């Protein structure tokens, strides 16, 4: 029951970043929250497009509508 609420919060963050014209995230694997992005990718609505030297590049998916 807890995950749908968190999923909507994650998508809300993604949508706000899109509204701010931020469409890419480059995050080191050791950064705070990096494990959540990696482990809960579908709930964020993001796509990993590259990984190298302990960094991951994420593309924020466009919100529906």
PDB file of N, CA and C in Angstrom:
ATOM      1  N   UNK A   1       0.826  -1.197   0.000  1.00  0.00           N
ATOM      2  CA  UNK A   1       0.000   0.000   0.000  1.00  0.00           C
ATOM      3  C   UNK A   1       0.867   1.256   0.000  1.00  0.00           C
ATOM      4  N   UNK A   2       2.081   1.152   0.535  1.00  0.00           N
ATOM      5  CA  UNK A   2       2.931   2.333   0.650  1.00  0.00           C
ATOM      6  C   UNK A   2       3.540   2.741  -0.687  1.00  0.00           C
ATOM      7  N   UNK A   3       3.859   1.804  -1.538  1.00  0.00           N
ATOM      8  CA  UNK A   3       4.578   2.121  -2.772  1.00  0.00           C
ATOM      9  C   UNK A   3       3.817   3.035  -3.733  1.00  0.00           C
ATOM     10  N   UNK A   4       2.508   2.889  -3.955  1.00  0.00           N
ATOM     11  CA  UNK A   4       1.839   3.825  -4.865  1.00  0.00           C
ATOM     12  C   UNK A   4       1.972   5.283  -4.439  1.00  0.00           C
ATOM     13  N   UNK A   5       1.918   5.573  -3.154  1.00  0.00           N
ATOM     14  CA  UNK A   5       2.080   6.950  -2.697  1.00  0.00           C
ATOM     15  C   UNK A   5       3.492   7.429  -3.014  1.00  0.00           C
ATOM     16  N   UNK A   6       4.474   6.610  -2.712  1.00  0.00           N
ATOM     17  CA  UNK A   6       5.857   6.980  -3.003  1.00  0.00           C
ATOM     18  C   UNK A   6       6.054   7.128  -4.502  1.00  0.00           C
ATOM     19  N   UNK A   7       5.419   6.258  -5.269  1.00  0.00           N
ATOM     20  CA  UNK A   7       5.550   6.358  -6.721  1.00  0.00           C
ATOM     21  C   UNK A   7       5.031   7.707  -7.193  1.00  0.00           C
ATOM     22  N   UNK A   8       3.904   8.153  -6.649  1.00  0.00           N
ATOM     23  CA  UNK A   8       3.353   9.429  -7.084  1.00  0.00           C
ATOM     24  C   UNK A   8       4.256  10.590  -6.651  1.00  0.00           C
ATOM     25  N   UNK A   9       4.905  10.463  -5.506  1.00  0.00           N
ATOM     26  CA  UNK A   9       5.846  11.499  -5.070  1.00  0.00           C
ATOM     27  C   UNK A   9       7.060  11.530  -5.994  1.00  0.00           C
ATOM     28  N   UNK A  10       7.555  10.361  -6.364  1.00  0.00           N
ATOM     29  CA  UNK A  10       8.697  10.291  -7.280  1.00  0.00           C
ATOM     30  C   UNK A  10       8.329  10.906  -8.626  1.00  0.00           C
ATOM     31  N   UNK A  11       7.169  10.549  -9.141  1.00  0.00           N
ATOM     32  CA  UNK A  11       6.734  11.113 -10.425  1.00  0.00           C
ATOM     33  C   UNK A  11       6.525  12.618 -10.309  1.00  0.00           C
ATOM     34  N   UNK A  12       6.069  13.078  -9.159  1.00  0.00           N
ATOM     35  CA  UNK A  12       5.902  14.510  -8.947  1.00  0.00           C
ATOM     36  C   UNK A  12       7.223  15.253  -9.026  1.00  0.00           C
ATOM     37  N   UNK A  13       8.258  14.667  -8.470  1.00  0.00           N
ATOM     38  CA  UNK A  13       9.597  15.266  -8.564  1.00  0.00           C
ATOM     39  C   UNK A  13      10.043  15.287 -10.016  1.00  0.00           C
ATOM     40  N   UNK A  14       9.862  14.179 -10.715  1.00  0.00           N
ATOM     41  CA  UNK A  14      10.227  14.111 -12.126  1.00  0.00           C
ATOM     42  C   UNK A  14       9.473  15.159 -12.938  1.00  0.00           C
ATOM     43  N   UNK A  15       8.182  15.302 -12.684  1.00  0.00           N
ATOM     44  CA  UNK A  15       7.372  16.279 -13.414  1.00  0.00           C
ATOM     45  C   UNK A  15       7.830  17.706 -13.136  1.00  0.00           C
ATOM     46  N   UNK A  16       8.194  17.986 -11.882  1.00  0.00           N
ATOM     47  CA  UNK A  16       8.671  19.331 -11.541  1.00  0.00           C
ATOM     48  C   UNK A  16      10.004  19.623 -12.225  1.00  0.00           C
ATOM     49  N   UNK A  17      10.894  18.656 -12.256  1.00  0.00           N
ATOM     50  CA  UNK A  17      12.163  18.841 -12.972  1.00  0.00           C
ATOM     51  C   UNK A  17      11.908  19.106 -14.453  1.00  0.00           C
ATOM     52  N   UNK A  18      10.983  18.376 -15.063  1.00  0.00           N
ATOM     53  CA  UNK A  18      10.635  18.615 -16.465  1.00  0.00           C
ATOM     54  C   UNK A  18      10.102  20.031 -16.671  1.00  0.00           C
ATOM     55  N   UNK A  19       9.268  20.507 -15.746  1.00  0.00           N
ATOM     56  CA  UNK A  19       8.735  21.865 -15.851  1.00  0.00           C
ATOM     57  C   UNK A  19       9.854  22.906 -15.767  1.00  0.00           C
ATOM     58  N   UNK A  20      10.931  22.565 -15.083  1.00  0.00           N
ATOM     59  CA  UNK A  20      12.079  23.455 -14.948  1.00  0.00           C
ATOM     60  C   UNK A  20      13.070  23.267 -16.109  1.00  0.00           C
ATOM     61  N   UNK A  21      12.643  22.516 -17.124  1.00  0.00           N
ATOM     62  CA  UNK A  21      13.482  22.210 -18.293  1.00  0.00           C
ATOM     63  C   UNK A  21      14.738  21.431 -17.934  1.00  0.00           C
ATOM     64  N   UNK A  22      14.652  20.604 -16.913  1.00  0.00           N
ATOM     65  CA  UNK A  22      15.722  19.670 -16.567  1.00  0.00           C
ATOM     66  C   UNK A  22      15.252  18.301 -17.041  1.00  0.00           C
ATOM     67  N   UNK A  23      15.983  17.734 -17.988  1.00  0.00           N
ATOM     68  CA  UNK A  23      15.549  16.480 -18.603  1.00  0.00           C
ATOM     69  C   UNK A  23      16.566  15.359 -18.453  1.00  0.00           C
ATOM     70  N   UNK A  24      17.717  15.667 -17.864  1.00  0.00           N
ATOM     71  CA  UNK A  24      18.789  14.690 -17.675  1.00  0.00           C
ATOM     72  C   UNK A  24      19.331  14.802 -16.258  1.00  0.00           C
ATOM     73  N   UNK A  25      19.711  13.665 -15.669  1.00  0.00           N
ATOM     74  CA  UNK A  25      20.369  13.640 -14.373  1.00  0.00           C
ATOM     75  C   UNK A  25      21.635  12.806 -14.491  1.00  0.00           C
ATOM     76  N   UNK A  26      22.739  13.324 -13.998  1.00  0.00           N
ATOM     77  CA  UNK A  26      23.982  12.583 -13.904  1.00  0.00           C
ATOM     78  C   UNK A  26      24.267  12.417 -12.422  1.00  0.00           C
ATOM     79  N   UNK A  27      24.229  11.174 -11.948  1.00  0.00           N
ATOM     80  CA  UNK A  27      24.322  10.889 -10.520  1.00  0.00           C
ATOM     81  C   UNK A  27      25.415   9.853 -10.283  1.00  0.00           C
ATOM     82  N   UNK A  28      26.259  10.109  -9.291  1.00  0.00           N
ATOM     83  CA  UNK A  28      27.247   9.090  -8.929  1.00  0.00           C
ATOM     84  C   UNK A  28      26.550   8.015  -8.102  1.00  0.00           C
ATOM     85  N   UNK A  29      27.054   6.792  -8.201  1.00  0.00           N
ATOM     86  CA  UNK A  29      26.439   5.674  -7.479  1.00  0.00           C
ATOM     87  C   UNK A  29      26.471   5.869  -5.968  1.00  0.00           C
ATOM     88  N   UNK A  30      27.387   6.683  -5.457  1.00  0.00           N
ATOM     89  CA  UNK A  30      27.488   6.916  -4.025  1.00  0.00           C
ATOM     90  C   UNK A  30      26.658   8.082  -3.528  1.00  0.00           C
ATOM     91  N   UNK A  31      25.977   8.787  -4.406  1.00  0.00           N
ATOM     92  CA  UNK A  31      25.174   9.945  -4.015  1.00  0.00           C
ATOM     93  C   UNK A  31      23.940   9.527  -3.237  1.00  0.00           C
ATOM     94  N   UNK A  32      23.504  10.423  -2.350  1.00  0.00           N
ATOM     95  CA  UNK A  32      22.273  10.195  -1.603  1.00  0.00           C
ATOM     96  C   UNK A  32      21.119   9.999  -2.581  1.00  0.00           C
ATOM     97  N   UNK A  33      20.381   8.928  -2.433  1.00  0.00           N
ATOM     98  CA  UNK A  33      19.221   8.656  -3.275  1.00  0.00           C
ATOM     99  C   UNK A  33      19.526   7.902  -4.553  1.00  0.00           C
ATOM    100  N   UNK A  34      20.808   7.697  -4.859  1.00  0.00           N
ATOM    101  CA  UNK A  34      21.162   7.003  -6.102  1.00  0.00           C
ATOM    102  C   UNK A  34      20.615   5.582  -6.128  1.00  0.00           C
ATOM    103  N   UNK A  35      20.637   4.923  -4.981  1.00  0.00           N
ATOM    104  CA  UNK A  35      20.105   3.561  -4.932  1.00  0.00           C
ATOM    105  C   UNK A  35      18.600   3.540  -5.181  1.00  0.00           C
ATOM    106  N   UNK A  36      17.893   4.574  -4.744  1.00  0.00           N
ATOM    107  CA  UNK A  36      16.451   4.631  -4.986  1.00  0.00           C
ATOM    108  C   UNK A  36      16.160   4.808  -6.477  1.00  0.00           C
ATOM    109  N   UNK A  37      16.926   5.657  -7.148  1.00  0.00           N
ATOM    110  CA  UNK A  37      16.756   5.819  -8.599  1.00  0.00           C
ATOM    111  C   UNK A  37      16.983   4.496  -9.307  1.00  0.00           C
ATOM    112  N   UNK A  38      18.038   3.798  -8.911  1.00  0.00           N
ATOM    113  CA  UNK A  38      18.390   2.533  -9.559  1.00  0.00           C
ATOM    114  C   UNK A  38      17.372   1.430  -9.255  1.00  0.00           C
ATOM    115  N   UNK A  39      16.952   1.326  -7.994  1.00  0.00           N
ATOM    116  CA  UNK A  39      16.080   0.228  -7.577  1.00  0.00           C
ATOM    117  C   UNK A  39      14.606   0.461  -7.885  1.00  0.00           C
ATOM    118  N   UNK A  40      14.206   1.709  -8.035  1.00  0.00           N
ATOM    119  CA  UNK A  40      12.789   2.055  -8.230  1.00  0.00           C
ATOM    120  C   UNK A  40      12.573   2.815  -9.536  1.00  0.00           C
ATOM    121  N   UNK A  41      13.394   2.536 -10.532  1.00  0.00           N
ATOM    122  CA  UNK A  41      13.332   3.245 -11.814  1.00  0.00           C
ATOM    123  C   UNK A  41      11.917   3.366 -12.375  1.00  0.00           C
ATOM    124  N   UNK A  42      11.121   2.289 -12.408  1.00  0.00           N
ATOM    125  CA  UNK A  42       9.764   2.432 -12.984  1.00  0.00           C
ATOM    126  C   UNK A  42       8.888   3.431 -12.240  1.00  0.00           C
ATOM    127  N   UNK A  43       9.097   3.550 -10.936  1.00  0.00           N
ATOM    128  CA  UNK A  43       8.283   4.476 -10.144  1.00  0.00           C
ATOM    129  C   UNK A  43       8.686   5.930 -10.374  1.00  0.00           C
ATOM    130  N   UNK A  44       9.925   6.149 -10.776  1.00  0.00           N
ATOM    131  CA  UNK A  44      10.402   7.497 -11.062  1.00  0.00           C
ATOM    132  C   UNK A  44       9.961   7.968 -12.441  1.00  0.00           C
ATOM    133  N   UNK A  45       9.806   7.042 -13.374  1.00  0.00           N
ATOM    134  CA  UNK A  45       9.501   7.436 -14.747  1.00  0.00           C
ATOM    135  C   UNK A  45      10.744   7.990 -15.428  1.00  0.00           C
ATOM    136  N   UNK A  46      11.861   7.283 -15.254  1.00  0.00           N
ATOM    137  CA  UNK A  46      13.135   7.682 -15.845  1.00  0.00           C
ATOM    138  C   UNK A  46      13.735   6.486 -16.567  1.00  0.00           C
ATOM    139  N   UNK A  47      14.716   6.747 -17.410  1.00  0.00           N
ATOM    140  CA  UNK A  47      15.398   5.694 -18.150  1.00  0.00           C
ATOM    141  C   UNK A  47      16.901   5.903 -18.027  1.00  0.00           C
ATOM    142  N   UNK A  48      17.607   4.854 -17.621  1.00  0.00           N
ATOM    143  CA  UNK A  48      19.069   4.940 -17.573  1.00  0.00           C
ATOM    144  C   UNK A  48      19.597   4.776 -18.990  1.00  0.00           C
ATOM    145  N   UNK A  49      20.440   5.701 -19.426  1.00  0.00           N
ATOM    146  CA  UNK A  49      20.958   5.643 -20.792  1.00  0.00           C
ATOM    147  C   UNK A  49      22.459   5.374 -20.847  1.00  0.00           C
ATOM    148  N   UNK A  50      23.171   5.551 -19.733  1.00  0.00           N
ATOM    149  CA  UNK A  50      24.610   5.285 -19.735  1.00  0.00           C
ATOM    150  C   UNK A  50      25.090   5.053 -18.309  1.00  0.00           C
ATOM    151  N   UNK A  51      26.221   4.340 -18.219  1.00  0.00           N
ATOM    152  CA  UNK A  51      26.853   4.086 -16.930  1.00  0.00           C
ATOM    153  C   UNK A  51      28.353   3.944 -17.163  1.00  0.00           C
ATOM    154  N   UNK A  52      29.148   4.692 -16.399  1.00  0.00           N
ATOM    155  CA  UNK A  52      30.603   4.586 -16.507  1.00  0.00           C
ATOM    156  C   UNK A  52      31.268   5.170 -15.269  1.00  0.00           C
ATOM    157  N   UNK A  53      32.329   4.542 -14.836  1.00  0.00           N
ATOM    158  CA  UNK A  53      33.155   5.041 -13.725  1.00  0.00           C
ATOM    159  C   UNK A  53      32.352   5.438 -12.490  1.00  0.00           C
ATOM    160  N   UNK A  54      31.326   4.665 -12.156  1.00  0.00           N
ATOM    161  CA  UNK A  54      30.537   4.945 -10.961  1.00  0.00           C
ATOM    162  C   UNK A  54      29.507   6.044 -11.107  1.00  0.00           C
ATOM    163  N   UNK A  55      29.214   6.445 -12.339  1.00  0.00           N
ATOM    164  CA  UNK A  55      28.177   7.444 -12.617  1.00  0.00           C
ATOM    165  C   UNK A  55      27.133   6.840 -13.539  1.00  0.00           C
ATOM    166  N   UNK A  56      25.910   7.315 -13.388  1.00  0.00           N
ATOM    167  CA  UNK A  56      24.807   6.894 -14.264  1.00  0.00           C
ATOM    168  C   UNK A  56      24.120   8.135 -14.823  1.00  0.00           C
ATOM    169  N   UNK A  57      23.792   8.070 -16.102  1.00  0.00           N
ATOM    170  CA  UNK A  57      23.061   9.141 -16.769  1.00  0.00           C
ATOM    171  C   UNK A  57      21.628   8.690 -16.949  1.00  0.00           C
ATOM    172  N   UNK A  58      20.707   9.510 -16.467  1.00  0.00           N
ATOM    173  CA  UNK A  58      19.284   9.206 -16.515  1.00  0.00           C
ATOM    174  C   UNK A  58      18.567  10.223 -17.391  1.00  0.00           C
ATOM    175  N   UNK A  59      17.638   9.766 -18.195  1.00  0.00           N
ATOM    176  CA  UNK A  59      16.749  10.613 -18.999  1.00  0.00           C
ATOM    177  C   UNK A  59      15.400  10.621 -18.309  1.00  0.00           C
ATOM    178  N   UNK A  60      14.890  11.808 -18.019  1.00  0.00           N
ATOM    179  CA  UNK A  60      13.565  11.910 -17.437  1.00  0.00           C
ATOM    180  C   UNK A  60      12.527  11.736 -18.524  1.00  0.00           C
ATOM    181  N   UNK A  61      11.625  10.788 -18.351  1.00  0.00           N
ATOM    182  CA  UNK A  61      10.565  10.581 -19.317  1.00  0.00           C
ATOM    183  C   UNK A  61       9.587  11.748 -19.264  1.00  0.00           C
ATOM    184  N   UNK A  62       9.002  12.051 -20.397  1.00  0.00           N
ATOM    185  CA  UNK A  62       7.994  13.131 -20.444  1.00  0.00           C
ATOM    186  C   UNK A  62       6.751  12.695 -19.685  1.00  0.00           C
ATOM    187  N   UNK A  63       6.183  13.599 -18.904  1.00  0.00           N
ATOM    188  CA  UNK A  63       4.927  13.258 -18.214  1.00  0.00           C
ATOM    189  C   UNK A  63       3.808  13.078 -19.247  1.00  0.00           C
ATOM    190  N   UNK A  64       2.858  12.206 -18.952  1.00  0.00           N
ATOM    191  CA  UNK A  64       1.743  12.021 -19.893  1.00  0.00           C
ATOM    192  C   UNK A  64       0.908  13.287 -20.027  1.00  0.00           C
ATOM    193  N   UNK A  65       0.353  13.440 -21.196  1.00  0.00           N
ATOM    194  CA  UNK A  65      -0.571  14.568 -21.372  1.00  0.00           C
ATOM    195  C   UNK A  65      -0.059  15.526 -22.310  1.00  0.00           C
TER     196      UNK A  65
END
